[in-house]
N, C-alpha and C. Protein backbone atom coordinates (compact mmCIF):
# COMPACT_ATOMS: atom_id res chain seq x y z
N UNK A 1 17.05 -19.68 -8.17
CA UNK A 1 15.94 -18.85 -8.35
C UNK A 1 15.49 -19.04 -9.87
N UNK A 2 14.06 -19.28 -9.93
CA UNK A 2 13.65 -19.65 -11.25
C UNK A 2 13.57 -18.33 -12.07
N UNK A 3 13.43 -18.39 -13.39
CA UNK A 3 13.33 -17.27 -14.28
C UNK A 3 12.26 -16.10 -13.92
N UNK A 4 11.09 -16.55 -13.53
CA UNK A 4 10.13 -15.40 -13.25
C UNK A 4 10.70 -14.59 -11.94
N UNK A 5 11.21 -15.28 -10.92
CA UNK A 5 11.70 -14.55 -9.71
C UNK A 5 12.95 -13.77 -10.01
N UNK A 6 13.68 -14.23 -10.81
CA UNK A 6 14.95 -13.51 -11.33
C UNK A 6 14.58 -12.34 -12.12
N UNK A 7 13.60 -12.49 -12.87
CA UNK A 7 13.15 -11.24 -13.79
C UNK A 7 12.54 -10.36 -12.94
N UNK A 8 11.71 -10.83 -12.07
CA UNK A 8 11.00 -9.81 -11.04
C UNK A 8 11.99 -9.08 -10.25
N UNK A 9 12.95 -9.76 -9.77
CA UNK A 9 14.13 -9.03 -9.06
C UNK A 9 14.74 -7.86 -9.91
N UNK A 10 15.05 -8.23 -11.15
CA UNK A 10 15.65 -7.25 -12.00
C UNK A 10 14.81 -6.02 -12.38
N UNK A 11 13.52 -6.31 -12.51
CA UNK A 11 12.48 -5.39 -12.79
C UNK A 11 12.53 -4.45 -11.57
N UNK A 12 12.40 -4.99 -10.42
CA UNK A 12 12.42 -4.22 -9.13
C UNK A 12 13.59 -3.26 -9.17
N UNK A 13 14.65 -3.85 -9.38
CA UNK A 13 15.96 -3.05 -9.13
C UNK A 13 15.99 -1.96 -10.18
N UNK A 14 15.51 -2.26 -11.49
CA UNK A 14 15.48 -1.07 -12.46
C UNK A 14 14.54 0.03 -12.03
N UNK A 15 13.23 -0.47 -11.59
CA UNK A 15 12.26 0.57 -11.31
C UNK A 15 12.83 1.34 -9.99
N UNK A 16 13.40 0.73 -8.98
CA UNK A 16 13.98 1.29 -7.88
C UNK A 16 14.97 2.33 -8.14
N UNK A 17 15.62 2.06 -9.23
CA UNK A 17 16.69 3.20 -9.63
C UNK A 17 15.98 4.31 -10.34
N UNK A 18 14.96 4.09 -11.14
CA UNK A 18 14.12 5.11 -11.71
C UNK A 18 13.31 5.89 -10.65
N UNK A 19 12.68 5.26 -9.79
CA UNK A 19 11.91 5.71 -8.73
C UNK A 19 12.47 5.48 -7.23
N UNK A 20 13.34 6.18 -6.85
CA UNK A 20 13.97 5.68 -5.44
C UNK A 20 13.13 5.98 -4.28
N UNK A 21 12.11 6.83 -4.41
CA UNK A 21 11.33 7.19 -3.29
C UNK A 21 9.80 7.14 -3.60
N UNK A 22 9.26 6.01 -3.42
CA UNK A 22 7.79 5.81 -3.64
C UNK A 22 6.91 5.70 -2.53
N UNK A 23 5.69 6.39 -2.70
CA UNK A 23 4.82 6.32 -1.62
C UNK A 23 3.36 6.56 -2.28
N UNK A 24 2.35 6.24 -1.46
CA UNK A 24 1.04 6.54 -1.99
C UNK A 24 0.95 7.91 -2.18
N UNK A 25 0.09 8.25 -3.31
CA UNK A 25 -0.18 9.64 -3.67
C UNK A 25 -1.28 10.38 -2.93
N UNK A 26 -2.05 9.55 -2.25
CA UNK A 26 -3.10 9.94 -1.38
C UNK A 26 -2.70 10.59 -0.25
N UNK A 27 -3.26 11.88 0.05
CA UNK A 27 -2.83 12.55 1.33
C UNK A 27 -3.62 12.15 2.51
N UNK A 28 -3.07 11.82 3.63
CA UNK A 28 -3.76 11.46 4.84
C UNK A 28 -2.93 11.73 6.00
N UNK A 29 -3.66 11.89 7.23
CA UNK A 29 -2.76 12.01 8.46
C UNK A 29 -3.09 10.91 9.45
N UNK A 30 -4.21 10.14 9.20
CA UNK A 30 -4.41 9.00 10.14
C UNK A 30 -4.91 7.77 9.24
N UNK A 31 -4.69 6.56 9.76
CA UNK A 31 -5.23 5.37 9.11
C UNK A 31 -6.66 5.46 8.48
N UNK A 32 -7.57 6.08 9.30
CA UNK A 32 -8.82 6.13 8.94
C UNK A 32 -8.98 7.16 7.77
N UNK A 33 -8.26 8.26 7.76
CA UNK A 33 -8.31 9.20 6.63
C UNK A 33 -7.84 8.39 5.31
N UNK A 34 -6.79 7.54 5.41
CA UNK A 34 -6.30 6.90 4.33
C UNK A 34 -7.40 5.86 3.80
N UNK A 35 -8.06 5.17 4.77
CA UNK A 35 -9.11 4.25 4.43
C UNK A 35 -10.10 4.93 3.63
N UNK A 36 -10.54 6.07 4.02
CA UNK A 36 -11.75 6.83 3.43
C UNK A 36 -11.28 7.34 2.01
N UNK A 37 -9.93 7.86 2.00
CA UNK A 37 -9.41 8.44 0.66
C UNK A 37 -9.31 7.13 -0.39
N UNK A 38 -8.88 6.17 0.15
CA UNK A 38 -8.70 4.93 -0.92
C UNK A 38 -10.12 4.60 -1.35
N UNK A 39 -11.05 4.43 -0.53
CA UNK A 39 -12.46 4.12 -0.89
C UNK A 39 -12.92 5.08 -1.97
N UNK A 40 -12.61 6.49 -1.73
CA UNK A 40 -13.12 7.51 -2.75
C UNK A 40 -12.28 7.28 -3.90
N UNK A 41 -11.09 6.83 -3.94
CA UNK A 41 -10.21 6.61 -5.25
C UNK A 41 -10.71 5.75 -6.23
N UNK A 42 -11.75 4.92 -5.97
CA UNK A 42 -12.29 4.13 -6.91
C UNK A 42 -12.89 4.86 -8.14
N UNK A 43 -12.38 4.40 -9.36
CA UNK A 43 -12.83 5.26 -10.60
C UNK A 43 -12.57 6.69 -10.49
N UNK A 44 -11.58 7.08 -9.86
CA UNK A 44 -11.24 8.54 -9.62
C UNK A 44 -9.67 8.62 -9.50
N UNK A 45 -9.16 9.73 -9.89
CA UNK A 45 -7.73 9.95 -9.75
C UNK A 45 -7.32 10.41 -8.45
N UNK A 46 -6.14 10.05 -7.97
CA UNK A 46 -5.59 10.39 -6.54
C UNK A 46 -5.65 12.04 -6.55
N UNK A 47 -5.34 12.64 -7.55
CA UNK A 47 -5.30 14.08 -7.69
C UNK A 47 -6.73 14.65 -7.21
N UNK A 48 -7.75 14.07 -7.75
CA UNK A 48 -9.10 14.69 -7.55
C UNK A 48 -9.52 14.30 -6.08
N UNK A 49 -9.07 13.08 -5.61
CA UNK A 49 -9.42 12.66 -4.24
C UNK A 49 -8.72 13.55 -3.28
N UNK A 50 -7.44 13.96 -3.58
CA UNK A 50 -6.80 14.87 -2.57
C UNK A 50 -7.51 16.15 -2.59
N UNK A 51 -7.96 16.73 -3.60
CA UNK A 51 -8.67 17.96 -3.71
C UNK A 51 -10.01 17.86 -2.89
N UNK A 52 -10.74 16.76 -2.84
CA UNK A 52 -11.83 16.65 -2.12
C UNK A 52 -11.63 16.45 -0.78
N UNK A 53 -10.61 15.53 -0.47
CA UNK A 53 -10.42 15.29 1.05
C UNK A 53 -9.75 16.39 1.80
N UNK A 54 -9.07 17.42 1.09
CA UNK A 54 -8.55 18.61 1.66
C UNK A 54 -9.76 19.36 2.52
N UNK A 55 -10.85 19.46 1.90
CA UNK A 55 -12.04 19.99 2.66
C UNK A 55 -12.71 19.05 3.46
N UNK A 56 -12.95 17.79 2.95
CA UNK A 56 -13.75 16.78 3.65
C UNK A 56 -13.17 16.50 5.09
N UNK A 57 -11.84 16.37 5.15
CA UNK A 57 -11.21 16.02 6.38
C UNK A 57 -10.97 17.28 7.34
N UNK A 58 -11.36 18.34 7.03
CA UNK A 58 -11.57 19.45 7.79
C UNK A 58 -12.77 19.42 8.44
N UNK A 59 -13.80 19.02 7.85
CA UNK A 59 -15.22 18.89 8.42
C UNK A 59 -15.49 17.60 9.15
N UNK A 60 -14.91 16.60 8.57
CA UNK A 60 -15.25 15.21 9.15
C UNK A 60 -13.90 14.52 9.44
N UNK A 61 -13.54 14.05 10.76
CA UNK A 61 -12.22 13.65 10.94
C UNK A 61 -12.25 12.15 11.57
N UNK A 62 -13.30 11.78 12.12
CA UNK A 62 -13.37 10.36 12.90
C UNK A 62 -14.46 9.64 12.29
N UNK A 63 -14.51 8.35 12.45
CA UNK A 63 -15.61 7.44 12.17
C UNK A 63 -16.96 7.85 12.64
N UNK A 64 -16.97 8.45 13.90
CA UNK A 64 -18.21 9.04 14.51
C UNK A 64 -18.69 10.17 13.73
N UNK A 65 -17.80 11.03 13.16
CA UNK A 65 -18.28 12.29 12.41
C UNK A 65 -18.92 11.67 11.15
N UNK A 66 -18.43 10.75 10.49
CA UNK A 66 -18.99 10.18 9.23
C UNK A 66 -20.36 9.46 9.48
N UNK A 67 -20.51 8.87 10.57
CA UNK A 67 -21.77 8.23 10.90
C UNK A 67 -22.85 9.32 11.29
N UNK A 68 -22.49 10.32 11.78
CA UNK A 68 -23.37 11.34 12.19
C UNK A 68 -23.91 12.32 11.10
N UNK A 69 -22.93 12.43 10.13
CA UNK A 69 -23.26 13.43 9.00
C UNK A 69 -24.33 12.89 8.11
N UNK A 70 -25.27 13.78 7.92
CA UNK A 70 -26.39 13.23 6.85
C UNK A 70 -25.92 12.72 5.56
N UNK A 71 -26.52 11.81 5.12
CA UNK A 71 -26.11 11.17 3.73
C UNK A 71 -25.96 12.19 2.74
N UNK A 72 -27.01 13.09 2.63
CA UNK A 72 -26.88 14.12 1.49
C UNK A 72 -25.71 15.07 1.57
N UNK A 73 -25.38 15.49 2.94
CA UNK A 73 -24.27 16.27 3.05
C UNK A 73 -22.94 15.63 2.72
N UNK A 74 -22.76 14.28 2.96
CA UNK A 74 -21.54 13.57 2.70
C UNK A 74 -21.62 13.50 1.22
N UNK A 75 -22.68 13.15 0.55
CA UNK A 75 -22.66 13.01 -0.96
C UNK A 75 -22.27 14.27 -1.55
N UNK A 76 -22.69 15.50 -1.02
CA UNK A 76 -22.21 16.75 -1.69
C UNK A 76 -20.71 17.03 -1.56
N UNK A 77 -20.26 16.55 -0.39
CA UNK A 77 -18.86 16.80 -0.12
C UNK A 77 -17.95 15.96 -0.98
N UNK A 78 -18.49 14.71 -1.32
CA UNK A 78 -17.44 13.99 -2.18
C UNK A 78 -17.99 13.68 -3.66
N UNK A 79 -18.94 14.47 -3.98
CA UNK A 79 -19.61 14.49 -5.33
C UNK A 79 -18.46 14.41 -6.53
N UNK A 80 -17.33 15.35 -6.34
CA UNK A 80 -16.40 15.32 -7.53
C UNK A 80 -15.64 14.03 -7.74
N UNK A 81 -15.76 13.07 -6.82
CA UNK A 81 -15.01 11.75 -6.96
C UNK A 81 -15.83 10.81 -7.83
N UNK A 82 -17.06 11.09 -8.13
CA UNK A 82 -17.89 10.20 -8.84
C UNK A 82 -18.46 9.11 -8.04
N UNK A 83 -19.54 8.51 -8.63
CA UNK A 83 -20.29 7.41 -7.86
C UNK A 83 -20.53 7.85 -6.30
N UNK A 84 -20.83 9.08 -6.21
CA UNK A 84 -20.85 9.67 -4.77
C UNK A 84 -21.99 9.05 -3.88
N UNK A 85 -23.05 8.65 -4.43
CA UNK A 85 -24.03 8.02 -3.60
C UNK A 85 -23.64 6.70 -2.88
N UNK A 86 -23.09 5.87 -3.77
CA UNK A 86 -22.60 4.59 -3.33
C UNK A 86 -21.54 4.77 -2.40
N UNK A 87 -20.51 5.63 -2.73
CA UNK A 87 -19.30 5.84 -2.02
C UNK A 87 -19.87 6.30 -0.55
N UNK A 88 -20.74 7.21 -0.51
CA UNK A 88 -21.14 7.90 0.76
C UNK A 88 -21.76 6.64 1.70
N UNK A 89 -22.56 5.90 0.99
CA UNK A 89 -23.35 4.82 1.66
C UNK A 89 -22.20 3.87 2.23
N UNK A 90 -21.28 3.44 1.46
CA UNK A 90 -20.24 2.45 1.87
C UNK A 90 -19.38 3.02 2.97
N UNK A 91 -18.98 4.36 2.86
CA UNK A 91 -18.12 4.94 3.83
C UNK A 91 -18.94 5.03 5.19
N UNK A 92 -20.21 5.41 5.15
CA UNK A 92 -20.97 5.53 6.34
C UNK A 92 -21.07 4.08 7.16
N UNK A 93 -21.26 3.03 6.18
CA UNK A 93 -21.45 1.74 6.83
C UNK A 93 -20.13 1.34 7.40
N UNK A 94 -18.96 1.55 6.73
CA UNK A 94 -17.63 1.25 7.15
C UNK A 94 -17.42 1.94 8.49
N UNK A 95 -17.80 3.20 8.59
CA UNK A 95 -17.46 3.93 9.72
C UNK A 95 -18.25 3.46 10.97
N UNK A 96 -19.46 3.02 10.69
CA UNK A 96 -20.44 2.40 11.83
C UNK A 96 -19.81 1.05 12.18
N UNK A 97 -19.17 0.27 11.23
CA UNK A 97 -18.65 -0.98 11.61
C UNK A 97 -17.44 -0.81 12.39
N UNK A 98 -16.68 0.16 12.08
CA UNK A 98 -15.39 0.50 12.82
C UNK A 98 -15.74 0.81 14.35
N UNK A 99 -16.81 1.58 14.48
CA UNK A 99 -17.35 1.96 15.80
C UNK A 99 -17.89 0.73 16.57
N UNK A 100 -18.57 -0.09 15.82
CA UNK A 100 -19.11 -1.25 16.59
C UNK A 100 -18.22 -2.28 16.86
N UNK A 101 -17.33 -2.56 16.06
CA UNK A 101 -16.28 -3.71 16.23
C UNK A 101 -14.81 -3.36 16.77
N UNK A 102 -14.43 -2.16 16.52
CA UNK A 102 -13.15 -1.81 16.88
C UNK A 102 -12.92 -0.47 17.63
N UNK A 103 -14.12 0.02 18.22
CA UNK A 103 -14.09 1.24 18.93
C UNK A 103 -13.67 2.49 18.14
N UNK A 104 -13.70 2.37 16.87
CA UNK A 104 -13.43 3.43 15.94
C UNK A 104 -11.92 3.31 15.42
N UNK A 105 -11.37 2.34 15.89
CA UNK A 105 -9.85 2.02 15.36
C UNK A 105 -9.94 1.28 14.02
N UNK A 106 -9.02 1.61 13.22
CA UNK A 106 -8.75 0.98 11.89
C UNK A 106 -7.99 -0.37 12.14
N UNK A 107 -8.45 -1.62 12.03
CA UNK A 107 -7.84 -2.82 12.33
C UNK A 107 -6.59 -3.02 11.33
N UNK A 108 -5.70 -3.90 11.81
CA UNK A 108 -4.31 -3.96 11.13
C UNK A 108 -4.17 -5.31 10.53
N UNK A 109 -5.22 -6.07 10.19
CA UNK A 109 -4.98 -7.21 9.47
C UNK A 109 -5.79 -7.19 8.26
N UNK A 110 -5.36 -8.01 7.25
CA UNK A 110 -6.21 -8.06 6.00
C UNK A 110 -7.49 -8.61 6.10
N UNK A 111 -7.90 -9.77 6.93
CA UNK A 111 -9.01 -10.33 7.11
C UNK A 111 -10.01 -9.43 7.77
N UNK A 112 -9.54 -8.64 8.68
CA UNK A 112 -10.43 -7.78 9.42
C UNK A 112 -10.81 -6.60 8.51
N UNK A 113 -9.91 -6.06 7.74
CA UNK A 113 -10.16 -4.88 6.89
C UNK A 113 -11.22 -5.35 5.75
N UNK A 114 -10.91 -6.50 5.12
CA UNK A 114 -11.83 -6.86 4.03
C UNK A 114 -13.30 -7.25 4.52
N UNK A 115 -13.44 -7.41 5.82
CA UNK A 115 -14.72 -7.82 6.34
C UNK A 115 -15.55 -6.42 6.61
N UNK A 116 -14.89 -5.29 6.38
CA UNK A 116 -15.59 -4.09 6.58
C UNK A 116 -16.49 -3.69 5.23
N UNK A 117 -17.50 -3.13 5.49
CA UNK A 117 -18.35 -2.76 4.32
C UNK A 117 -17.60 -1.91 3.36
N UNK A 118 -17.56 -2.23 2.07
CA UNK A 118 -17.08 -1.38 0.95
C UNK A 118 -15.51 -1.54 0.89
N UNK A 119 -14.91 -2.47 1.82
CA UNK A 119 -13.40 -2.62 1.68
C UNK A 119 -13.09 -3.87 1.00
N UNK A 120 -12.23 -3.83 -0.24
CA UNK A 120 -11.77 -4.91 -0.80
C UNK A 120 -10.22 -5.25 -0.51
N UNK A 121 -9.70 -6.15 -1.14
CA UNK A 121 -8.30 -6.52 -0.93
C UNK A 121 -7.36 -5.24 -1.42
N UNK A 122 -7.71 -4.54 -2.44
CA UNK A 122 -6.96 -3.47 -3.00
C UNK A 122 -6.88 -2.39 -1.84
N UNK A 123 -8.03 -1.93 -1.42
CA UNK A 123 -8.10 -0.92 -0.44
C UNK A 123 -7.41 -1.29 0.92
N UNK A 124 -7.60 -2.59 1.23
CA UNK A 124 -7.10 -3.10 2.56
C UNK A 124 -5.52 -3.17 2.40
N UNK A 125 -5.09 -3.60 1.38
CA UNK A 125 -3.48 -3.59 1.13
C UNK A 125 -2.84 -2.29 1.08
N UNK A 126 -3.60 -1.18 0.50
CA UNK A 126 -3.10 0.20 0.54
C UNK A 126 -3.06 0.69 1.99
N UNK A 127 -4.08 0.50 2.78
CA UNK A 127 -4.02 0.91 4.21
C UNK A 127 -2.91 0.18 4.95
N UNK A 128 -2.78 -1.12 4.75
CA UNK A 128 -1.85 -1.85 5.57
C UNK A 128 -0.39 -1.36 5.20
N UNK A 129 -0.10 -1.16 3.92
CA UNK A 129 1.25 -0.74 3.54
C UNK A 129 1.48 0.58 3.89
N UNK A 130 0.61 1.51 3.55
CA UNK A 130 0.92 2.91 3.78
C UNK A 130 0.73 3.45 5.25
N UNK A 131 -0.23 2.91 5.81
CA UNK A 131 -0.52 3.57 7.23
C UNK A 131 0.12 2.47 8.39
N UNK A 132 0.45 1.34 8.00
CA UNK A 132 0.94 0.44 9.17
C UNK A 132 2.26 -0.11 8.75
N UNK A 133 2.82 -0.03 7.56
CA UNK A 133 3.97 -0.63 7.09
C UNK A 133 3.99 -2.22 7.07
N UNK A 134 2.80 -2.68 6.74
CA UNK A 134 2.62 -4.09 6.70
C UNK A 134 2.59 -4.45 5.06
N UNK A 135 3.52 -5.26 4.58
CA UNK A 135 3.62 -5.49 3.19
C UNK A 135 2.34 -6.14 2.53
N UNK A 136 2.09 -5.68 1.31
CA UNK A 136 0.98 -6.28 0.60
C UNK A 136 0.99 -5.83 -0.82
N UNK A 137 0.44 -6.52 -1.78
CA UNK A 137 0.34 -6.30 -3.16
C UNK A 137 -0.98 -5.63 -3.47
N UNK A 138 -0.87 -4.38 -3.94
CA UNK A 138 -1.95 -3.56 -4.26
C UNK A 138 -2.15 -3.76 -5.65
N UNK A 139 -3.21 -4.33 -6.16
CA UNK A 139 -3.50 -4.65 -7.66
C UNK A 139 -4.57 -3.58 -8.11
N UNK A 140 -4.12 -2.54 -8.67
CA UNK A 140 -5.05 -1.56 -9.35
C UNK A 140 -4.93 -1.78 -10.86
N UNK A 141 -5.54 -0.80 -11.71
CA UNK A 141 -5.52 -1.11 -13.07
C UNK A 141 -4.09 -1.00 -13.67
N UNK A 142 -3.22 -0.21 -13.24
CA UNK A 142 -1.84 -0.11 -13.59
C UNK A 142 -1.07 -1.40 -13.30
N UNK A 143 -1.17 -1.80 -12.03
CA UNK A 143 -0.46 -3.02 -11.62
C UNK A 143 -0.89 -4.28 -12.47
N UNK A 144 -2.18 -4.34 -12.67
CA UNK A 144 -2.77 -5.51 -13.56
C UNK A 144 -2.25 -5.45 -14.81
N UNK A 145 -2.32 -4.39 -15.48
CA UNK A 145 -1.97 -4.13 -16.95
C UNK A 145 -0.46 -4.61 -17.13
N UNK A 146 0.37 -3.87 -16.22
CA UNK A 146 1.79 -4.04 -16.26
C UNK A 146 2.23 -5.53 -15.98
N UNK A 147 1.66 -6.15 -15.03
CA UNK A 147 2.08 -7.44 -14.59
C UNK A 147 1.74 -8.48 -15.82
N UNK A 148 0.72 -8.19 -16.53
CA UNK A 148 0.36 -9.01 -17.55
C UNK A 148 1.43 -8.70 -18.84
N UNK A 149 1.64 -7.58 -19.01
CA UNK A 149 2.57 -7.07 -20.12
C UNK A 149 4.03 -7.66 -19.76
N UNK A 150 4.36 -7.63 -18.47
CA UNK A 150 5.67 -8.18 -18.28
C UNK A 150 5.71 -9.67 -17.90
N UNK A 151 4.68 -10.38 -18.22
CA UNK A 151 4.56 -11.81 -18.14
C UNK A 151 4.82 -12.36 -16.67
N UNK A 152 4.43 -11.62 -15.72
CA UNK A 152 4.51 -11.80 -14.45
C UNK A 152 3.27 -12.55 -13.90
N UNK A 153 2.21 -12.47 -14.74
CA UNK A 153 1.06 -13.21 -14.50
C UNK A 153 0.29 -13.43 -15.83
N UNK A 154 -0.63 -14.53 -15.92
CA UNK A 154 -1.31 -14.80 -17.12
C UNK A 154 -2.83 -14.61 -16.65
N UNK A 155 -3.09 -14.05 -15.51
CA UNK A 155 -4.47 -13.87 -14.95
C UNK A 155 -4.96 -12.40 -15.22
N UNK A 156 -6.18 -12.19 -15.16
CA UNK A 156 -6.86 -10.85 -15.25
C UNK A 156 -7.64 -10.60 -14.04
N UNK A 157 -7.90 -11.77 -13.20
CA UNK A 157 -8.53 -11.56 -11.93
C UNK A 157 -7.54 -10.89 -10.92
N UNK A 158 -7.89 -9.77 -10.19
CA UNK A 158 -6.99 -8.96 -9.42
C UNK A 158 -6.41 -9.80 -8.24
N UNK A 159 -7.21 -10.77 -7.52
CA UNK A 159 -6.71 -11.64 -6.44
C UNK A 159 -5.70 -12.62 -7.02
N UNK A 160 -6.03 -13.09 -8.24
CA UNK A 160 -4.99 -14.08 -8.82
C UNK A 160 -3.67 -13.41 -9.21
N UNK A 161 -3.73 -12.20 -9.66
CA UNK A 161 -2.67 -11.43 -9.98
C UNK A 161 -1.82 -11.12 -8.79
N UNK A 162 -2.51 -10.68 -7.68
CA UNK A 162 -2.07 -10.49 -6.43
C UNK A 162 -1.02 -11.75 -5.91
N UNK A 163 -1.70 -12.78 -6.06
CA UNK A 163 -0.96 -13.98 -5.54
C UNK A 163 0.28 -14.33 -6.49
N UNK A 164 0.00 -14.10 -7.64
CA UNK A 164 1.12 -14.50 -8.64
C UNK A 164 2.43 -13.53 -8.27
N UNK A 165 2.14 -12.22 -8.09
CA UNK A 165 3.14 -11.29 -7.70
C UNK A 165 3.88 -11.64 -6.30
N UNK A 166 3.03 -12.17 -5.43
CA UNK A 166 3.52 -12.46 -4.16
C UNK A 166 4.60 -13.48 -4.20
N UNK A 167 4.32 -14.46 -5.31
CA UNK A 167 5.17 -15.63 -5.41
C UNK A 167 6.54 -15.22 -5.98
N UNK A 168 6.73 -14.13 -6.75
CA UNK A 168 7.96 -13.87 -7.43
C UNK A 168 8.90 -12.82 -6.81
N UNK A 169 8.29 -12.23 -5.70
CA UNK A 169 9.04 -11.31 -4.89
C UNK A 169 9.01 -11.57 -3.44
N UNK A 170 10.10 -11.25 -2.73
CA UNK A 170 10.10 -11.43 -1.23
C UNK A 170 9.03 -10.56 -0.60
N UNK A 171 8.55 -11.02 0.54
CA UNK A 171 7.31 -10.21 1.19
C UNK A 171 7.82 -8.68 1.41
N UNK A 172 9.14 -8.47 1.77
CA UNK A 172 9.50 -7.03 2.10
C UNK A 172 9.56 -6.20 0.82
N UNK A 173 9.33 -6.69 -0.23
CA UNK A 173 9.22 -5.79 -1.41
C UNK A 173 7.83 -5.67 -2.04
N UNK A 174 6.84 -6.35 -1.52
CA UNK A 174 5.51 -6.34 -2.05
C UNK A 174 4.86 -4.85 -2.19
N UNK A 175 4.95 -4.20 -1.14
CA UNK A 175 4.29 -2.82 -1.16
C UNK A 175 5.03 -1.99 -2.10
N UNK A 176 6.23 -1.90 -2.03
CA UNK A 176 6.97 -1.07 -2.95
C UNK A 176 6.94 -1.44 -4.34
N UNK A 177 6.85 -2.68 -4.64
CA UNK A 177 6.71 -3.09 -6.10
C UNK A 177 5.29 -2.70 -6.60
N UNK A 178 4.33 -2.78 -5.86
CA UNK A 178 3.06 -2.31 -6.33
C UNK A 178 3.20 -0.84 -6.70
N UNK A 179 3.73 -0.01 -5.77
CA UNK A 179 3.86 1.48 -6.07
C UNK A 179 4.77 1.81 -7.26
N UNK A 180 5.80 0.95 -7.43
CA UNK A 180 6.65 1.18 -8.58
C UNK A 180 6.05 0.85 -9.77
N UNK A 181 5.20 -0.08 -9.90
CA UNK A 181 4.37 -0.50 -11.15
C UNK A 181 3.27 0.68 -11.35
N UNK A 182 2.75 1.17 -10.30
CA UNK A 182 1.82 2.37 -10.52
C UNK A 182 2.49 3.57 -11.09
N UNK A 183 3.71 3.91 -10.40
CA UNK A 183 4.46 4.97 -11.05
C UNK A 183 4.79 4.78 -12.53
N UNK A 184 5.27 3.45 -12.80
CA UNK A 184 5.57 3.11 -14.16
C UNK A 184 4.45 3.29 -15.18
N UNK A 185 3.14 2.90 -14.68
CA UNK A 185 2.00 2.82 -15.39
C UNK A 185 1.46 4.33 -15.71
N UNK A 186 1.79 5.22 -14.88
CA UNK A 186 1.47 6.63 -15.10
C UNK A 186 2.36 7.38 -15.99
N UNK A 187 3.64 7.08 -15.91
CA UNK A 187 4.59 7.81 -16.81
C UNK A 187 5.02 7.14 -18.16
N UNK A 188 5.12 5.75 -18.14
CA UNK A 188 5.59 5.10 -19.35
C UNK A 188 4.58 4.01 -19.79
N UNK A 189 4.27 3.03 -19.20
CA UNK A 189 3.36 1.90 -19.44
C UNK A 189 1.89 2.25 -19.39
N UNK A 190 1.55 3.28 -20.13
CA UNK A 190 0.12 3.76 -20.09
C UNK A 190 -0.73 2.65 -20.82
N UNK A 191 -2.09 2.78 -20.64
CA UNK A 191 -2.92 1.76 -21.35
C UNK A 191 -2.94 2.01 -22.64
N UNK A 192 -2.93 3.21 -23.31
CA UNK A 192 -2.86 3.44 -24.66
C UNK A 192 -1.57 4.23 -24.93
N UNK A 193 -0.80 3.88 -26.04
CA UNK A 193 0.42 4.45 -26.56
C UNK A 193 1.40 4.45 -25.43
N UNK A 194 1.79 3.29 -25.00
CA UNK A 194 2.86 3.40 -23.95
C UNK A 194 4.22 3.59 -24.56
N UNK A 195 5.03 4.32 -23.76
CA UNK A 195 6.37 4.81 -24.17
C UNK A 195 7.38 3.68 -23.92
N UNK A 196 7.29 2.56 -24.89
CA UNK A 196 8.22 1.47 -24.66
C UNK A 196 9.69 1.80 -24.91
N UNK A 197 10.05 2.77 -25.82
CA UNK A 197 11.40 3.00 -25.94
C UNK A 197 12.00 3.70 -24.79
N UNK A 198 11.22 4.44 -24.07
CA UNK A 198 11.77 5.26 -22.97
C UNK A 198 11.51 4.40 -21.68
N UNK A 199 10.83 3.31 -21.63
CA UNK A 199 10.63 2.59 -20.36
C UNK A 199 11.88 1.97 -19.78
N UNK A 200 12.03 2.13 -18.38
CA UNK A 200 13.25 1.69 -17.76
C UNK A 200 13.28 0.13 -17.71
N UNK A 201 12.12 -0.65 -17.88
CA UNK A 201 12.14 -1.99 -17.76
C UNK A 201 11.96 -2.70 -19.11
N UNK A 202 12.25 -1.83 -20.32
CA UNK A 202 11.97 -2.26 -21.67
C UNK A 202 12.73 -3.68 -21.85
N UNK A 203 13.96 -3.75 -21.45
CA UNK A 203 14.79 -4.90 -21.73
C UNK A 203 14.23 -6.24 -20.92
N UNK A 204 13.36 -5.99 -20.11
CA UNK A 204 12.84 -7.17 -19.41
C UNK A 204 11.41 -7.52 -19.84
N UNK A 205 10.92 -6.75 -20.97
CA UNK A 205 9.59 -6.97 -21.30
C UNK A 205 9.58 -7.61 -22.80
N UNK A 206 8.76 -8.46 -22.91
CA UNK A 206 8.42 -9.15 -24.31
C UNK A 206 7.07 -9.07 -24.83
N UNK A 207 6.33 -8.01 -24.21
CA UNK A 207 5.08 -7.76 -24.62
C UNK A 207 4.93 -7.71 -26.19
N UNK A 208 3.92 -8.50 -26.77
CA UNK A 208 3.86 -8.66 -28.17
C UNK A 208 3.79 -7.19 -28.89
N UNK A 209 2.87 -6.35 -28.44
CA UNK A 209 2.72 -5.08 -29.12
C UNK A 209 4.01 -4.16 -29.22
N UNK A 210 4.73 -4.42 -28.10
CA UNK A 210 6.10 -3.67 -28.15
C UNK A 210 7.02 -3.91 -29.25
N UNK A 211 6.92 -5.13 -29.90
CA UNK A 211 7.84 -5.53 -30.98
C UNK A 211 7.71 -4.65 -32.08
N UNK A 212 6.49 -4.05 -32.27
CA UNK A 212 6.23 -3.16 -33.34
C UNK A 212 6.82 -1.78 -33.28
N UNK A 213 6.98 -1.48 -31.80
CA UNK A 213 7.45 -0.18 -31.50
C UNK A 213 8.98 -0.14 -31.38
N UNK A 214 9.66 -1.33 -30.94
CA UNK A 214 11.06 -1.25 -30.82
C UNK A 214 11.76 -1.22 -32.01
N UNK A 215 12.88 -0.50 -32.18
CA UNK A 215 13.70 -0.28 -33.45
C UNK A 215 14.71 -1.47 -33.38
């Protein structure tokens, strides 16, 4: 096992000890609800999305519901998530595509998901992992930042980061590793003023700025 893989395994083990039970923080009952919630989460916190979807999913439950609802009504329902006009258009187009191609069912492959309007690899991997139990690396801002700081990637492009992380961990750990990094990013390895002394993977990290913090 080469050093990056060995380090990744040690990081995974340390994070698993700190966060023994990780799961997406988005609330959902069906794969379609998770797909919509994930699309809404762009540039928005999971907490805010959950507040919005609590009402949204009481009114609109299926792709057909989202296709039929007037654009302005959907915009009003999702307005607190930000970028609500673009999100409403994307969700309606996605719902229509699901009806046209899959009889309203959310597909279970990455290629099929990313072919849907408004769905990128991040959203697709969230749905695959949380709704279908299919492993995938979800690269959000937390994962990208921490993977760079932990020297698990030298890239900034999310797709390249995704493939770098896939190389250093077995497939069975991909989804959980993404979630573990997200949890770490929210609690310790924040974008500004990270809590390096308290970080559970401190000993595996050689991020340059950390050296000025470590005693």
